[in-house]
Amino acid sequence: MNKSYDTRVDYPLSYTFAQDSVVVMEPLAKQIKIDVTSGGWNLIRKTLRINATPINIPLDNPTEIKFLTRSSLIPMISDQLDGLRLIYVVTDTLFFNIEDKVTRKLPVLVDSISIPLSQSYRMTSPISCNVDSAVVSGPKSTMLDMPDYVQLDFSNMNIDGNFDDELSFFVGDHVIVDPPEATVKFQVAKFLAREISIPIERLDFPQDSSSYLADSTILLYYTIMEEDEDDVDESDFSVTVDYSMRNMNDSTVTPILMYAHEKALDIVLASDRIKLMFAEAQ
């Protein structure tokens, strides 16, 4: 074992650079493959990582250096091999993807439109969030593409009840947010789609009944909170047609919603024109 031997080893690496001011976008190589020669016992210790001090790679301008070639690595490695003599650097190139770190303080946006509610559910209260801003740090390329706000991540949710939970922020890779989470609260309820037949009230129609409506009722569609469904009936709505506003070209009148129950939402009349009928002259 006192003779000299040649072997190929994966030697550990370390790096020196200002890590607080940059973001490492891709993992740095942890080892480099080299051919070395040394005495048998010393070679065994290095091969088994016994007292093997990593080769340090200084990166004075880490965001500017994209790679180091074999010719650049040889002097660094040769100077730091303790008890071993470098024969050949097998690894051709070490690549680096490091960016400047950018830090911004951004307002927290909770976009009600993007909150994933279950079908037929709606919010019934304002949204409460325990933070109004966050400090966001990340690589320059990502930060330049970010909007002037940061959003909370509601993905993979299907909300069908009152919400009170901690959420992380929706940001890109390598981005850190402080605080990392925010508590959001709001109330939701189930809403039902309903329809009801409403008698049409006539205004200014001829007293002699020479003109009348083809339909005496009209369907009205609306949405209402499930718990309020039984509070509404046809007497809570009024639809009127005004004979003086008839369309002479097609003999129709436009139905007008005069009033509706305050809890009824998204009200739509089934028809926007009603046909006028005329009695035949005797």
Protein backbone atom coordinates (compact mmCIF):
# COMPACT_ATOMS: atom_id res chain seq x y z
CA MET A 1 0.00 0.00 0.00
CA ASN A 2 3.04 2.31 0.08
CA LYS A 3 3.29 2.27 -3.70
CA SER A 4 1.79 5.00 -5.87
CA TYR A 5 -1.51 4.29 -7.61
CA ASP A 6 -3.67 6.09 -10.13
CA THR A 7 -7.44 6.25 -9.76
CA ARG A 8 -10.54 8.21 -10.73
CA VAL A 9 -12.49 9.84 -7.90
CA ASP A 10 -15.55 12.04 -7.42
CA TYR A 11 -14.05 14.81 -5.31
CA PRO A 12 -16.26 17.12 -3.18
CA LEU A 13 -16.65 20.80 -4.07
CA SER A 14 -17.53 23.95 -2.16
CA TYR A 15 -18.07 27.51 -3.35
CA THR A 16 -17.32 30.97 -2.04
CA PHE A 17 -19.56 33.89 -3.03
CA ALA A 18 -21.92 36.43 -1.47
CA GLN A 19 -24.90 34.11 -1.08
CA ASP A 20 -27.19 36.63 0.65
CA SER A 21 -27.35 38.92 -2.38
CA VAL A 22 -27.98 36.29 -5.07
CA VAL A 23 -30.28 33.40 -5.88
CA VAL A 24 -28.92 30.05 -7.09
CA MET A 25 -31.34 29.05 -9.85
CA GLU A 26 -29.96 25.55 -10.44
CA PRO A 27 -28.12 23.36 -7.92
CA LEU A 28 -24.35 23.74 -7.96
CA ALA A 29 -22.30 20.65 -8.68
CA LYS A 30 -21.37 18.91 -5.43
CA GLN A 31 -18.54 16.85 -6.90
CA ILE A 32 -16.04 16.89 -9.70
CA LYS A 33 -14.63 13.81 -11.39
CA ILE A 34 -10.80 13.78 -11.53
CA ASP A 35 -7.94 11.34 -12.13
CA VAL A 36 -5.29 11.47 -9.41
CA THR A 37 -2.20 9.60 -8.24
CA SER A 38 -0.87 9.05 -4.71
CA GLY A 39 0.30 6.50 -2.22
CA GLY A 40 -2.09 3.65 -1.52
CA TRP A 41 -3.14 4.59 2.04
CA ASN A 42 -3.59 8.25 1.21
CA LEU A 43 -5.59 7.35 -1.87
CA ILE A 44 -7.89 5.10 0.16
CA ARG A 45 -8.55 7.90 2.66
CA LYS A 46 -9.42 10.40 -0.07
CA THR A 47 -11.53 7.90 -1.97
CA LEU A 48 -13.50 7.11 1.18
CA ARG A 49 -13.84 10.87 1.96
CA ILE A 50 -11.72 10.50 5.11
CA ASN A 51 -10.40 14.00 5.93
CA ALA A 52 -11.02 15.07 2.33
CA THR A 53 -11.32 18.86 2.38
CA PRO A 54 -13.61 19.98 -0.49
CA ILE A 55 -12.04 21.87 -3.36
CA ASN A 56 -13.21 25.46 -3.03
CA ILE A 57 -14.34 27.30 -6.17
CA PRO A 58 -14.31 31.10 -5.65
CA LEU A 59 -17.00 32.97 -7.61
CA ASP A 60 -16.13 36.65 -7.33
CA ASN A 61 -18.94 37.70 -9.70
CA PRO A 62 -21.39 34.80 -9.44
CA THR A 63 -24.11 36.38 -11.59
CA GLU A 64 -21.64 37.02 -14.42
CA ILE A 65 -19.97 33.60 -14.45
CA LYS A 66 -21.98 31.10 -16.45
CA PHE A 67 -19.42 28.29 -16.57
CA LEU A 68 -15.83 27.28 -15.78
CA THR A 69 -14.00 25.11 -18.26
CA ARG A 70 -11.47 22.36 -17.59
CA SER A 71 -8.54 24.70 -18.26
CA SER A 72 -9.85 27.14 -15.62
CA LEU A 73 -10.43 24.39 -13.09
CA ILE A 74 -7.02 22.70 -13.33
CA PRO A 75 -5.01 25.30 -11.34
CA MET A 76 -7.72 25.60 -8.67
CA ILE A 77 -7.85 21.85 -8.18
CA SER A 78 -4.08 21.27 -8.29
CA ASP A 79 -3.45 23.87 -5.59
CA GLN A 80 -5.98 22.32 -3.20
CA LEU A 81 -5.35 18.58 -3.52
CA ASP A 82 -3.78 17.62 -0.23
CA GLY A 83 -1.55 14.57 -0.67
CA LEU A 84 -2.82 13.84 -4.16
CA ARG A 85 -1.41 14.79 -7.54
CA LEU A 86 -3.83 15.73 -10.30
CA ILE A 87 -3.48 13.80 -13.52
CA TYR A 88 -6.57 14.85 -15.42
CA VAL A 89 -9.88 16.68 -14.89
CA VAL A 90 -12.55 14.40 -16.32
CA THR A 91 -15.41 16.85 -15.81
CA ASP A 92 -15.32 19.11 -18.85
CA THR A 93 -17.27 22.12 -17.55
CA LEU A 94 -19.00 23.38 -14.39
CA PHE A 95 -22.13 25.39 -15.22
CA PHE A 96 -23.67 28.13 -13.07
CA ASN A 97 -27.08 29.77 -13.10
CA ILE A 98 -27.05 32.47 -10.46
CA GLU A 99 -29.05 35.70 -10.48
CA ASP A 100 -29.08 38.88 -8.46
CA LYS A 101 -31.63 38.87 -5.65
CA VAL A 102 -34.29 41.60 -5.75
CA THR A 103 -36.46 42.46 -2.73
CA ARG A 104 -39.72 44.38 -2.93
CA LYS A 105 -42.54 45.22 -0.54
CA LEU A 106 -45.82 44.53 -2.30
CA PRO A 107 -49.49 44.89 -1.34
CA VAL A 108 -51.45 41.69 -0.78
CA LEU A 109 -54.35 41.26 -3.21
CA VAL A 110 -57.23 38.89 -2.48
CA ASP A 111 -59.13 38.73 -5.76
CA SER A 112 -62.71 37.61 -5.06
CA ILE A 113 -63.23 36.63 -8.71
CA SER A 114 -60.39 34.09 -8.57
CA ILE A 115 -61.57 32.40 -5.35
CA PRO A 116 -62.78 28.87 -6.27
CA LEU A 117 -66.28 28.52 -4.85
CA SER A 118 -68.34 25.39 -5.35
CA GLN A 119 -71.11 25.56 -7.92
CA SER A 120 -74.09 27.66 -6.76
CA TYR A 121 -72.12 29.23 -3.88
CA ARG A 122 -71.42 32.94 -3.48
CA MET A 123 -69.69 35.19 -0.98
CA THR A 124 -71.99 36.92 1.49
CA SER A 125 -69.44 39.00 3.40
CA PRO A 126 -66.39 41.16 2.75
CA ILE A 127 -63.02 39.38 2.57
CA SER A 128 -60.78 39.80 5.61
CA CYS A 129 -57.00 39.32 5.45
CA ASN A 130 -54.67 39.76 8.43
CA VAL A 131 -51.83 41.26 6.33
CA ASP A 132 -51.99 44.03 3.77
CA SER A 133 -48.43 43.75 2.42
CA ALA A 134 -45.51 41.32 2.21
CA VAL A 135 -41.78 41.47 1.55
CA VAL A 136 -41.00 39.44 -1.56
CA SER A 137 -37.45 38.33 -2.49
CA GLY A 138 -36.42 36.42 -5.57
CA PRO A 139 -34.28 36.27 -8.70
CA LYS A 140 -34.19 39.42 -10.79
CA SER A 141 -35.77 37.83 -13.87
CA THR A 142 -38.77 36.60 -11.89
CA MET A 143 -39.23 39.79 -9.90
CA LEU A 144 -39.23 41.94 -13.03
CA ASP A 145 -42.09 39.88 -14.43
CA MET A 146 -44.17 40.02 -11.25
CA PRO A 147 -47.16 42.37 -10.99
CA ASP A 148 -47.17 45.17 -8.43
CA TYR A 149 -48.98 42.98 -5.92
CA VAL A 150 -48.82 39.46 -4.51
CA GLN A 151 -51.75 37.05 -4.45
CA LEU A 152 -52.72 34.22 -2.13
CA ASP A 153 -52.92 30.67 -3.46
CA PHE A 154 -56.47 29.25 -3.51
CA SER A 155 -55.58 26.45 -5.95
CA ASN A 156 -56.95 22.93 -5.45
CA MET A 157 -59.87 24.24 -3.39
CA ASN A 158 -63.64 23.92 -3.82
CA ILE A 159 -65.12 26.13 -1.14
CA ASP A 160 -68.67 25.41 0.02
CA GLY A 161 -68.68 26.83 3.53
CA ASN A 162 -67.52 29.81 5.57
CA PHE A 163 -63.78 30.20 5.09
CA ASP A 164 -61.17 30.84 7.80
CA ASP A 165 -57.74 29.48 6.89
CA GLU A 166 -54.05 30.25 6.40
CA LEU A 167 -52.88 30.45 2.81
CA SER A 168 -49.46 30.64 1.22
CA PHE A 169 -48.68 33.13 -1.53
CA PHE A 170 -48.85 32.37 -5.23
CA VAL A 171 -45.34 33.21 -6.45
CA GLY A 172 -42.72 31.84 -8.82
CA ASP A 173 -39.86 29.42 -8.20
CA HIS A 174 -37.06 30.57 -5.90
CA VAL A 175 -39.26 33.39 -4.52
CA ILE A 176 -39.53 33.85 -0.76
CA VAL A 177 -42.34 35.81 0.91
CA ASP A 178 -42.30 37.26 4.42
CA PRO A 179 -44.63 36.48 6.08
CA PRO A 180 -44.97 33.14 4.28
CA GLU A 181 -48.71 32.88 4.96
CA ALA A 182 -51.77 35.03 5.59
CA THR A 183 -55.12 34.31 7.25
CA VAL A 184 -58.18 34.90 5.08
CA LYS A 185 -61.79 34.91 6.25
CA PHE A 186 -65.12 35.30 4.47
CA GLN A 187 -68.61 33.85 4.52
CA VAL A 188 -70.37 32.00 1.74
CA ALA A 189 -73.87 30.65 1.14
CA LYS A 190 -75.62 28.48 -1.40
CA PHE A 191 -77.84 30.26 -3.93
CA LEU A 192 -80.68 28.67 -5.88
CA ALA A 193 -81.96 29.46 -9.37
CA ARG A 194 -85.75 29.78 -9.36
CA GLU A 195 -88.57 30.81 -11.68
CA ILE A 196 -92.03 32.16 -10.95
CA SER A 197 -95.07 33.10 -13.03
CA ILE A 198 -96.14 36.71 -12.49
CA PRO A 199 -99.45 38.25 -13.60
CA ILE A 200 -98.89 41.18 -15.95
CA GLU A 201 -100.44 44.47 -14.91
CA ARG A 202 -101.80 46.56 -17.77
CA LEU A 203 -101.55 50.33 -17.94
CA ASP A 204 -103.55 52.69 -20.24
CA PHE A 205 -105.19 49.90 -22.23
CA PRO A 206 -108.41 50.74 -24.11
CA GLN A 207 -111.49 50.52 -21.88
CA ASP A 208 -113.48 48.74 -24.57
CA SER A 209 -111.09 45.73 -24.54
CA SER A 210 -110.42 46.17 -28.24
CA SER A 211 -106.77 45.46 -27.52
CA TYR A 212 -105.41 42.91 -25.09
CA LEU A 213 -102.25 40.91 -24.34
CA ALA A 214 -101.55 37.55 -25.92
CA ASP A 215 -100.23 36.41 -22.51
CA SER A 216 -101.61 37.45 -19.16
CA THR A 217 -98.60 36.15 -17.18
CA ILE A 218 -94.86 36.15 -17.66
CA LEU A 219 -92.12 33.91 -16.33
CA LEU A 220 -89.54 35.60 -14.13
CA TYR A 221 -86.19 34.00 -13.32
CA TYR A 222 -84.19 34.93 -10.22
CA THR A 223 -81.50 33.71 -7.84
CA ILE A 224 -81.91 33.64 -4.08
CA MET A 225 -79.99 32.44 -1.04
CA GLU A 226 -81.14 28.97 -0.05
CA GLU A 227 -82.14 29.99 3.45
CA ASP A 228 -84.35 32.80 2.08
CA GLU A 229 -86.16 30.73 -0.55
CA ASP A 230 -89.41 30.43 1.40
CA ASP A 231 -89.58 34.18 2.04
CA VAL A 232 -90.41 34.95 -1.59
CA ASP A 233 -93.64 34.52 -3.59
CA GLU A 234 -95.29 36.10 -6.62
CA SER A 235 -96.69 39.01 -4.61
CA ASP A 236 -93.14 40.25 -4.11
CA PHE A 237 -92.82 41.09 -7.82
CA SER A 238 -94.66 43.40 -10.17
CA VAL A 239 -94.48 43.47 -13.97
CA THR A 240 -96.31 46.14 -15.98
CA VAL A 241 -96.86 46.86 -19.66
CA ASP A 242 -97.81 50.34 -20.84
CA TYR A 243 -100.11 50.43 -23.87
CA SER A 244 -98.92 53.93 -24.75
CA MET A 245 -95.39 52.53 -25.26
CA ARG A 246 -96.48 49.90 -27.79
CA ASN A 247 -94.41 49.28 -30.92
CA MET A 248 -96.61 50.15 -33.88
CA ASN A 249 -94.46 48.15 -36.31
CA ASP A 250 -94.92 44.74 -34.74
CA SER A 251 -97.78 45.38 -32.28
CA THR A 252 -95.79 44.47 -29.18
CA VAL A 253 -95.20 46.07 -25.80
CA THR A 254 -92.20 45.83 -23.50
CA PRO A 255 -92.75 44.35 -20.01
CA ILE A 256 -91.23 46.42 -17.22
CA LEU A 257 -90.24 45.09 -13.81
CA MET A 258 -91.66 47.63 -11.36
CA TYR A 259 -90.45 46.09 -8.11
CA ALA A 260 -89.00 42.86 -6.73
CA HIS A 261 -88.13 41.24 -3.43
CA GLU A 262 -84.90 42.73 -2.06
CA LYS A 263 -83.36 39.31 -1.62
CA ALA A 264 -84.01 38.22 -5.21
CA LEU A 265 -80.94 38.58 -7.42
CA ASP A 266 -80.11 38.27 -11.12
CA ILE A 267 -83.72 38.90 -12.12
CA VAL A 268 -84.54 38.23 -15.77
CA LEU A 269 -87.91 38.27 -17.54
CA ALA A 270 -88.52 35.35 -19.87
CA SER A 271 -89.55 37.68 -22.69
CA ASP A 272 -88.67 41.25 -23.56
CA ARG A 273 -91.67 41.70 -25.93
CA ILE A 274 -95.31 40.70 -25.50
CA LYS A 275 -97.65 40.49 -28.44
CA LEU A 276 -100.75 42.70 -28.56
CA MET A 277 -103.97 41.17 -29.80
CA PHE A 278 -106.87 43.13 -31.30
CA ALA A 279 -110.55 42.23 -31.13
CA GLU A 280 -112.28 41.85 -34.47
CA ALA A 281 -114.67 44.67 -35.34
CA GLN A 282 -118.34 43.66 -35.03
